[in-house]
Amino acid sequence: MVMLRSPWWVVIVVNMVGCGPTFVSPAPVEKRTTLEGNRTWFWQVKSSSLAFGDCSDAEDFRVGVEALPFSDNSFIIYKTDEKATTAVTQTCTALAVNTCSNSSSGIAFKVMGSELTSTRPATSEVLNVRDQLGMTRKSSCSLRQDEEWTFRDQGSTFQLEVKNTLSLVDEPAATPECELFEQSLSKRSPNGKGVRGCVITFTLQGELR
């Protein structure tokens, strides 16, 4: 039915080679409530999972949607500003601050205590429809995806949740094609659900290096 977009994975996670035992992050503090300013944080990814909430379980809807990939050398790295109100993702060649620079993605988190948040601009994909003669055309219905990131600094460990909320948008609003898409998907879904209200959550966990 649709091609769901993956999160900004490749532009925030650095896969480094030759990472020696250089510990450059601030010392881990359990239940950290504030972040230090002008510091670089290296987090190693240890696990990845995926959860569908209130979504269709039709095979063609979920095909290709998988947990975010990672390896032993996958890291999330960011640097706080002087007042620790924002944090910008970094590109590094080793676990050392002097090898880092702001990533080309320019992704920045808002920092509130020990929680970092970022919102990706919404995107829309026009859905195709097939007429009675088997011809495919662009419909008036689009799949909208809104993505929110929440990174929780837990002292020596972290949890990152990437929530991808889906919705259907008719343009112009008076057309019924989104409702037809929703009904069609719901009917062929074993759980009877469609797109509306669907939230896909990618979760990463790991530890401070």
Foldseek 3Di string as FASTA:
>chain_A
DDDDDDPPPVQFKEQEPPADPDAQFPAFDAPQFADAAFGKWKWFWDDKAKDKDLAFPFCVVCPPDGTDDDDRRIIGMWHHHNVRQKIATWYARYNDPVRIDGTPVRFMWGDHGQKTKGKDDKDKDFDWDADPVRDIDTAQKIKIWIWMWIWGRRGFKIKIKIKIAIDMAGVVRPDCVRVVQQQVSLVNGPVSGHRHPMIMIMMTMTGTD
